[in-house]
Structure formats: C-alpha cells, structure tokens
Protein backbone atom coordinates (compact mmCIF):
# COMPACT_ATOMS: atom_id res chain seq x y z
CA MET A 1 325.54 255.89 102.51
CA ALA A 2 328.25 253.53 101.35
CA GLU A 3 328.60 250.21 103.10
CA ILE A 4 331.27 250.30 105.80
CA PRO A 5 333.88 247.66 104.94
CA SER A 6 336.71 246.13 106.84
CA VAL A 7 339.97 247.95 106.34
CA GLY A 8 342.40 246.18 104.05
CA ARG A 9 346.17 246.18 104.09
CA LEU A 10 348.81 247.34 101.66
CA ARG A 11 352.56 247.24 101.34
CA LEU A 12 354.02 250.69 101.81
CA GLY A 13 357.19 250.98 99.81
CA SER A 14 359.45 248.09 98.86
CA GLN A 15 361.23 247.49 102.16
CA GLY A 16 358.60 245.28 103.79
CA LEU A 17 356.36 247.65 105.79
CA GLU A 18 352.69 246.64 105.70
CA VAL A 19 350.09 249.12 106.92
CA SER A 20 346.35 249.60 106.90
CA ALA A 21 344.99 251.04 103.65
CA LEU A 22 343.68 253.94 105.73
CA GLY A 23 345.76 255.58 108.43
CA LEU A 24 344.87 257.89 111.29
CA GLY A 25 346.45 261.32 111.66
CA CYS A 26 346.64 262.06 115.37
CA MET A 27 347.82 265.69 115.37
CA GLY A 28 344.43 267.28 116.03
CA MET A 29 343.98 265.27 119.21
CA SER A 30 346.63 267.36 120.94
CA ALA A 31 347.42 270.49 118.94
CA PHE A 32 346.61 273.14 116.35
CA TYR A 33 342.86 272.46 115.95
CA GLY A 34 341.63 274.12 119.11
CA PRO A 35 342.44 272.96 122.65
CA PRO A 36 343.77 269.44 123.32
CA LYS A 37 341.07 266.80 123.58
CA PRO A 38 340.66 264.68 126.76
CA ASP A 39 343.24 261.88 126.80
CA GLN A 40 340.82 259.11 127.65
CA GLU A 41 338.45 260.06 124.83
CA MET A 42 341.31 260.04 122.34
CA ILE A 43 342.68 256.75 123.67
CA SER A 44 339.23 255.23 123.23
CA LEU A 45 339.10 256.59 119.68
CA ILE A 46 342.49 255.07 118.86
CA HIS A 47 341.43 251.73 120.33
CA HIS A 48 338.26 251.85 118.24
CA ALA A 49 340.30 252.64 115.12
CA VAL A 50 342.63 249.70 115.73
CA SER A 51 339.68 247.38 116.36
CA ARG A 52 338.29 248.45 112.97
CA GLY A 53 341.59 247.75 111.25
CA VAL A 54 342.97 251.31 111.10
CA THR A 55 346.37 250.48 112.54
CA PHE A 56 348.66 253.01 110.85
CA LEU A 57 349.03 255.81 113.41
CA ASP A 58 350.76 259.10 112.56
CA THR A 59 352.22 261.56 115.05
CA SER A 60 355.22 263.91 115.45
CA ASP A 61 357.34 265.34 118.24
CA VAL A 62 356.21 268.86 117.28
CA TYR A 63 352.53 268.05 117.88
CA GLY A 64 351.88 269.64 121.23
CA PRO A 65 354.84 269.85 121.19
CA PHE A 66 355.58 266.39 122.58
CA THR A 67 352.15 265.73 124.13
CA ASN A 68 350.76 263.86 121.14
CA GLU A 69 353.55 261.29 121.29
CA VAL A 70 352.88 260.81 124.99
CA LEU A 71 349.18 260.29 124.22
CA ILE A 72 349.93 257.75 121.49
CA GLY A 73 352.30 255.94 123.82
CA LYS A 74 349.52 255.55 126.37
CA ALA A 75 347.03 254.45 123.73
CA ILE A 76 349.17 251.65 122.30
CA LYS A 77 350.03 250.09 125.65
CA GLY A 78 349.15 246.43 125.35
CA ILE A 79 348.45 246.64 121.59
CA ARG A 80 351.88 247.66 120.31
CA GLU A 81 352.14 244.63 118.05
CA LYS A 82 348.89 245.56 116.31
CA VAL A 83 349.90 249.06 115.18
CA GLN A 84 352.32 250.57 112.71
CA LEU A 85 353.72 253.60 114.46
CA ALA A 86 354.95 256.61 112.49
CA THR A 87 356.42 259.74 114.01
CA LYS A 88 358.58 262.62 112.79
CA PHE A 89 361.48 264.84 113.78
CA GLY A 90 363.09 267.95 112.42
CA VAL A 91 360.74 270.80 113.33
CA ARG A 92 360.72 272.45 116.73
CA PHE A 93 359.53 275.67 118.32
CA VAL A 94 362.18 278.04 119.67
CA ASP A 95 360.87 281.19 121.33
CA GLY A 96 357.62 280.78 119.47
CA LYS A 97 359.31 280.42 116.09
CA LEU A 98 359.92 277.35 113.98
CA GLU A 99 363.37 275.90 113.52
CA ILE A 100 364.30 273.05 111.17
CA ARG A 101 367.05 270.65 112.23
CA GLY A 102 368.62 267.72 110.41
CA ASP A 103 372.13 267.47 111.84
CA PRO A 104 373.16 264.02 113.09
CA ALA A 105 373.32 264.92 116.78
CA TYR A 106 369.82 266.35 116.65
CA VAL A 107 368.47 263.38 114.67
CA ARG A 108 369.74 260.96 117.29
CA ALA A 109 368.59 263.04 120.26
CA ALA A 110 365.13 263.50 118.73
CA CYS A 111 364.78 259.78 118.10
CA GLU A 112 365.81 258.88 121.66
CA ALA A 113 363.34 261.42 123.05
CA SER A 114 360.49 260.11 120.89
CA LEU A 115 361.20 256.52 121.91
CA LYS A 116 360.96 257.59 125.54
CA ARG A 117 357.72 259.56 125.10
CA LEU A 118 356.13 256.78 123.07
CA ASP A 119 357.46 254.23 125.55
CA VAL A 120 358.55 251.85 122.80
CA ASP A 121 361.80 250.16 121.84
CA CYS A 122 361.48 250.84 118.12
CA ILE A 123 359.64 253.25 115.82
CA ASP A 124 358.20 251.59 112.72
CA LEU A 125 358.43 254.58 110.36
CA TYR A 126 360.53 257.63 111.20
CA TYR A 127 360.14 260.69 108.97
CA GLN A 128 362.17 263.82 108.63
CA HIS A 129 359.31 266.30 108.99
CA ARG A 130 360.91 269.08 106.94
CA ILE A 131 364.24 269.24 105.13
CA ASP A 132 367.06 271.19 106.76
CA THR A 133 368.80 273.02 103.93
CA LYS A 134 371.90 273.64 106.07
CA VAL A 135 372.66 269.93 106.23
CA PRO A 136 373.14 267.75 103.14
CA ILE A 137 370.33 265.20 103.01
CA GLU A 138 372.97 262.47 102.71
CA VAL A 139 374.25 263.38 106.18
CA THR A 140 370.80 263.27 107.75
CA ILE A 141 369.92 259.96 106.10
CA GLY A 142 373.31 258.58 107.11
CA GLU A 143 372.39 259.05 110.76
CA LEU A 144 368.94 257.57 110.21
CA LYS A 145 370.63 254.56 108.58
CA LYS A 146 372.63 254.06 111.78
CA LEU A 147 369.42 254.14 113.81
CA VAL A 148 367.99 251.43 111.54
CA GLU A 149 371.11 249.32 112.06
CA GLU A 150 370.81 249.80 115.82
CA GLY A 151 367.16 248.66 115.78
CA LYS A 152 365.75 251.95 117.02
CA ILE A 153 363.76 252.55 113.84
CA LYS A 154 362.65 250.12 111.16
CA TYR A 155 361.92 252.30 108.14
CA ILE A 156 362.84 255.79 106.96
CA GLY A 157 360.58 258.42 105.40
CA LEU A 158 360.63 262.07 104.35
CA SER A 159 357.86 264.64 104.53
CA GLU A 160 357.51 267.48 102.01
CA ALA A 161 360.71 266.73 100.09
CA SER A 162 361.48 267.50 96.46
CA ALA A 163 362.06 264.83 93.84
CA SER A 164 365.79 265.54 93.77
CA THR A 165 366.08 265.28 97.55
CA ILE A 166 364.13 262.03 97.50
CA ARG A 167 366.55 260.58 94.96
CA ARG A 168 369.62 261.65 96.91
CA ALA A 169 368.23 260.31 100.16
CA HIS A 170 367.15 257.02 98.62
CA ALA A 171 370.68 256.47 97.30
CA VAL A 172 372.03 256.47 100.88
CA HIS A 173 369.33 254.21 102.34
CA PRO A 174 366.06 253.07 100.74
CA LEU A 175 363.13 255.26 101.71
CA THR A 176 359.89 253.53 102.61
CA ALA A 177 357.44 256.43 102.40
CA ILE A 178 357.00 260.05 101.42
CA GLN A 179 354.39 262.00 103.36
CA ILE A 180 352.94 264.75 101.21
CA GLU A 181 349.79 266.82 100.85
CA TRP A 182 347.66 265.23 98.11
CA SER A 183 343.96 265.79 97.62
CA LEU A 184 341.38 267.11 95.19
CA TRP A 185 342.69 270.62 95.72
CA THR A 186 346.43 269.90 95.95
CA ARG A 187 347.66 268.01 92.91
CA ASP A 188 351.01 269.62 92.11
CA VAL A 189 352.71 266.50 93.49
CA GLU A 190 351.48 264.52 90.48
CA GLU A 191 354.01 266.33 88.29
CA GLU A 192 357.25 265.05 89.84
CA ILE A 193 356.87 263.70 93.37
CA ILE A 194 354.47 260.82 92.71
CA PRO A 195 356.28 259.55 89.59
CA THR A 196 359.60 259.67 91.44
CA CYS A 197 358.19 257.67 94.36
CA ARG A 198 356.80 255.03 92.02
CA GLU A 199 360.00 254.80 90.03
CA LEU A 200 361.96 254.15 93.24
CA GLY A 201 359.38 251.91 94.93
CA ILE A 202 358.52 254.37 97.70
CA GLY A 203 355.08 254.42 99.32
CA ILE A 204 352.92 257.54 99.43
CA VAL A 205 351.20 258.85 102.56
CA PRO A 206 348.87 261.78 101.75
CA TYR A 207 348.14 264.11 104.63
CA SER A 208 345.17 266.50 104.65
CA PRO A 209 343.32 264.34 102.07
CA LEU A 210 340.04 265.96 103.15
CA GLY A 211 341.28 269.52 102.84
CA MET A 212 341.22 270.11 106.61
CA GLY A 213 337.54 269.25 106.62
CA PHE A 214 336.50 271.36 103.63
CA PHE A 215 335.58 268.31 101.56
CA THR A 216 333.33 267.02 104.33
CA SER A 217 331.27 270.13 104.92
CA GLY A 218 332.40 272.93 102.63
CA ALA A 219 332.23 276.46 104.03
CA LYS A 220 330.90 275.16 107.35
CA ALA A 221 334.34 273.67 108.00
CA VAL A 222 335.78 277.19 107.88
CA GLU A 223 332.94 278.74 109.86
CA ASN A 224 333.44 276.19 112.64
CA LEU A 225 337.06 277.18 113.17
CA THR A 226 337.76 279.07 116.36
CA ASN A 227 340.27 281.81 116.95
CA ASN A 228 342.37 279.25 118.84
CA ASP A 229 342.73 277.00 115.82
CA HIS A 230 346.20 277.05 114.31
CA ILE A 231 344.67 277.11 110.84
CA SER A 232 341.98 279.69 111.65
CA LYS A 233 341.56 281.92 108.62
CA LYS A 234 345.30 281.77 107.88
CA PHE A 235 345.35 279.31 105.03
CA PRO A 236 344.89 280.86 101.59
CA LYS A 237 342.14 278.45 100.59
CA PHE A 238 340.16 279.59 103.65
CA THR A 239 340.03 283.30 102.88
CA ALA A 240 336.52 284.61 102.28
CA GLU A 241 337.21 285.23 98.60
CA ASN A 242 338.67 281.78 97.99
CA VAL A 243 336.01 279.97 100.01
CA GLU A 244 333.36 281.54 97.81
CA LYS A 245 335.17 280.30 94.70
CA ASN A 246 335.97 276.90 96.18
CA MET A 247 332.37 276.30 97.19
CA VAL A 248 331.43 276.28 93.50
CA THR A 249 333.70 273.28 92.95
CA PHE A 250 332.68 271.69 96.24
CA GLU A 251 329.02 271.76 95.23
CA LYS A 252 329.83 269.99 91.97
CA ILE A 253 331.76 267.29 93.86
CA ALA A 254 328.88 267.03 96.34
CA GLU A 255 326.42 266.52 93.47
CA ILE A 256 328.48 263.62 92.11
CA ALA A 257 328.68 262.15 95.62
CA SER A 258 324.91 262.44 96.05
CA ARG A 259 324.32 260.46 92.86
CA LYS A 260 326.65 257.78 94.16
CA GLY A 261 324.98 257.61 97.58
CA CYS A 262 328.01 258.72 99.57
CA SER A 263 329.12 261.91 101.26
CA PRO A 264 331.36 264.51 99.56
CA GLY A 265 334.10 263.64 102.04
CA GLN A 266 333.87 259.96 101.21
CA LEU A 267 334.07 260.65 97.49
CA SER A 268 337.07 262.94 98.03
CA LEU A 269 338.87 260.34 100.14
CA ALA A 270 337.93 257.57 97.71
CA TRP A 271 339.51 259.65 94.94
CA VAL A 272 342.82 259.52 96.85
CA HIS A 273 342.47 255.76 97.45
CA HIS A 274 341.88 255.23 93.72
CA LYS A 275 345.23 256.81 92.92
CA GLY A 276 347.02 253.54 93.61
CA ASN A 277 347.61 250.57 95.89
CA ASP A 278 350.78 252.23 97.17
CA VAL A 279 348.81 255.05 98.82
CA SER A 280 347.68 255.15 102.47
CA PRO A 281 346.08 258.50 103.35
CA ILE A 282 346.03 259.64 106.99
CA PRO A 283 342.96 261.84 107.58
CA GLY A 284 342.81 263.10 111.13
CA THR A 285 339.77 263.10 113.36
CA THR A 286 338.78 263.26 117.01
CA LYS A 287 335.33 261.69 116.57
CA VAL A 288 334.33 258.06 116.07
CA LYS A 289 331.55 258.99 113.64
CA ASN A 290 334.04 260.77 111.39
CA LEU A 291 336.41 257.82 111.58
CA GLU A 292 333.61 255.49 110.51
CA GLU A 293 332.73 257.78 107.60
CA ASN A 294 336.38 257.74 106.50
CA ILE A 295 336.42 253.95 106.66
CA GLY A 296 333.27 253.97 104.55
CA ALA A 297 335.17 255.71 101.78
CA LEU A 298 337.01 252.44 101.17
CA SER A 299 333.84 250.94 99.73
CA VAL A 300 333.20 253.83 97.34
CA LYS A 301 334.13 252.65 93.85
CA ILE A 302 334.79 255.27 91.21
CA ALA A 303 334.21 254.10 87.65
CA PRO A 304 336.45 255.43 84.84
CA ASP A 305 333.69 257.69 83.51
CA GLU A 306 333.11 259.07 87.02
CA MET A 307 336.81 259.72 87.45
CA LYS A 308 336.73 261.62 84.15
CA GLU A 309 333.78 263.65 85.41
CA ILE A 310 335.67 264.55 88.58
CA GLU A 311 338.76 265.45 86.57
CA ASN A 312 336.62 267.68 84.36
CA VAL A 313 335.23 269.49 87.41
CA LEU A 314 338.73 270.03 88.75
CA SER A 315 340.05 271.30 85.43
CA THR A 316 337.15 273.63 84.70
CA SER A 317 336.24 274.94 88.16
CA GLY A 318 339.28 274.07 90.22
CA PHE A 319 340.20 275.39 93.65
CA SER A 320 341.74 278.72 94.60
CA GLY A 321 344.45 279.33 97.18
CA ASP A 322 347.88 277.96 98.03
CA ARG A 323 348.67 274.55 99.51
CA VAL A 324 348.87 273.81 103.23
CA ALA A 325 352.66 273.74 103.58
CA ASN A 326 353.00 277.19 102.03
CA ALA A 327 350.62 278.70 104.54
CA TYR A 328 353.30 278.40 107.19
CA LYS A 329 355.04 281.36 105.60
CA HIS A 330 353.15 283.53 108.10
CA LEU A 331 355.45 282.02 110.73
CA LEU A 332 359.05 283.19 110.96
CA TRP A 333 361.33 280.27 110.21
CA MET A 334 364.54 280.36 112.21
CA ASN A 335 366.83 278.94 109.52
CA SER A 336 367.92 281.76 107.25
CA GLU A 337 368.73 279.23 104.54
CA THR A 338 365.24 277.76 104.57
CA PRO A 339 363.67 278.78 101.24
CA PRO A 340 360.74 281.22 101.27
CA LEU A 341 357.48 279.31 101.15
CA SER A 342 356.11 281.35 98.28
CA SER A 343 355.36 278.43 95.99
CA TRP A 344 354.91 274.71 96.43
CA LYS A 345 358.23 273.99 94.73
CA ASP A 346 360.03 276.34 97.11
CA ALA A 347 358.48 274.51 100.04
CA ARG A 348 360.45 271.39 99.25
CA CYS A 349 364.21 271.07 99.32
C-alpha cells in the first residue's frame, strides 16, 4: 500500500483560486447512490477530509435536490475559511423530469437559494451544471459576472461544456474551472476540451475519476448497486456485456497496480493526477477508509515507462460503453432544444 501523504495545493485556473490537489465530491452523501446517509456521519467525514487537507468540496442544488447543500452548510459551520466551496446551478427536476435553465432570472434566483441553504455569504466556485441551449452562453455568463461584482460568488465555472462554448463564455468573463468526466475509461475530452482549457488558463476538475467505483473493485462495484441507486444498471459501461469486456482491461490495470504496491483505484486516480498540475479530481465517497485510499493515490508515482504501459493497455483492450453524461438520455429532458445525448459531443453545447 502506498504511503499516505499530506494533501498538497494547486492553483485552479488563472484567476487566483487555490484548492486542494484532491477534492471531495459530496453528491453520494445525499442522492443517487442509494438512500441518503446519516447527516452526522457525513459531517464527520467532511471534517475528517478537511483535517487531512481535502478542502475542495463539490456539491450542487440538484443533489437531493437541495439537501446536499444543506448538509454541506452544516458541515462547514465554524470552518468556512478552511474550505473551497463549489456548487452548481442549471439543472432541476420538474414533475420527475430534468429541465435545464440558464436565463438570468433563474441564475440569480438559484444563486440566492444556494447561498441560503449553504448559509454562506459567498460561493467560491459557481458552475453552470449543464448548458441551456435556449439561452446564449454570453447571457448566462453576463449574469454570473454581475454576481461576481456583487461579491456573491468569487469564481465562475462550467460543467460539461464544449470547447466553443468555453471560448465564448471565457470572452465575457474569465472562467476558473471546467468540470468534466475524465478517467481511464473516458478520454474523449483530451481531443478538444483539455487543450482549450490549457490554452485559456482554465483549471480542470474531473468528476467520476474512479468510474463510479469500477476502478476500485471491478465487477463488484456493479454487483453492489441496489435497485434504488440512480446509476443501477442504467449506464452503458455497466451492462452485463460491457462489464465482461471491461473486466479484461480492469484486470490488466490491477496487475500493474499490484506490481507497484497500490490498489487499482489508487493507480487509476494517480493516472488522473499525473495529467497535470492544473487538475483537481473530485472522487466521491461516504466512507473514511475510501477517502484515505484516495489520498494515498497522491503518493503513487507513475514513471514514463509505466504510463506507456497503461496507455498500451487502454489502446489495445480499452473500455466498452458510453460516458456518464450520455447515460442520462434515459431521462426525458424538458428542453426541446437540448441536443440528444447520443454521443459525447452532442452532450456538450
């Protein structure tokens, strides 16, 4: 097992935001992965994370909905100055269906509501969770710029946006971060999104860097899902056929990890860390032992020849099934202008 280090810091983007090199995705504490976890247990987990140096906390108003922000607000009472708080707006449930909103009135109302639930005066990093194709991105960012000027948010980010949208948004007000799925089995972003971010000086926040647990335990991660899990059997990579194929690649990654004396999950997370010092992944967890294992990934060093070996595995075996964002096509999106989520490029506007 790799030595567990202290968690370092990095500058996210070029606007001055400094965060922990490893963040904490808080969604699963309240929603989508089975029933909500007990508040006090999750508050204790967050306090433990902050004490270990994991201070970059990620939530959204749609997680719950709303309950995750309330939980985070309780958890950061008395330690607000120690954390970098990120939340999101733009996706809401209406009659059980998803609706995407980016109009100025909604942006402002969502921000005010999040500030109240979080019980804070200012949000450090405020993302548009998904892009509303009915509203020009310049209009949405224009309202976010006003919120920055009013001191209600410090930095602006986008989640699951295309390279062209990122450029247009950045021209209105500098973006600090792009949140995007990036992992061993989701690498399409390396074609356009990552280069665009680096050209413009925008930080990168990979979500689902552990493949929703697949890289920690392989097929067992799928077997452990319950019928109440939002992701239960719905994601293409988790179909029986694709799991069988993906396990072949997982076993090869696990063999490399075994030689290095770390877990497959640690090697997978270390791979993301090695992609640059402008990258702060946000794996989610509800258990201290998993948090500690994720922190341990920071001490896993991947030599150039080992990186080549991993790249060879990915190019020869690879992974089957579509990316996370596209799996939401089984839900009926309310906006008729929202593109069909049939390919990763269609998922971003």
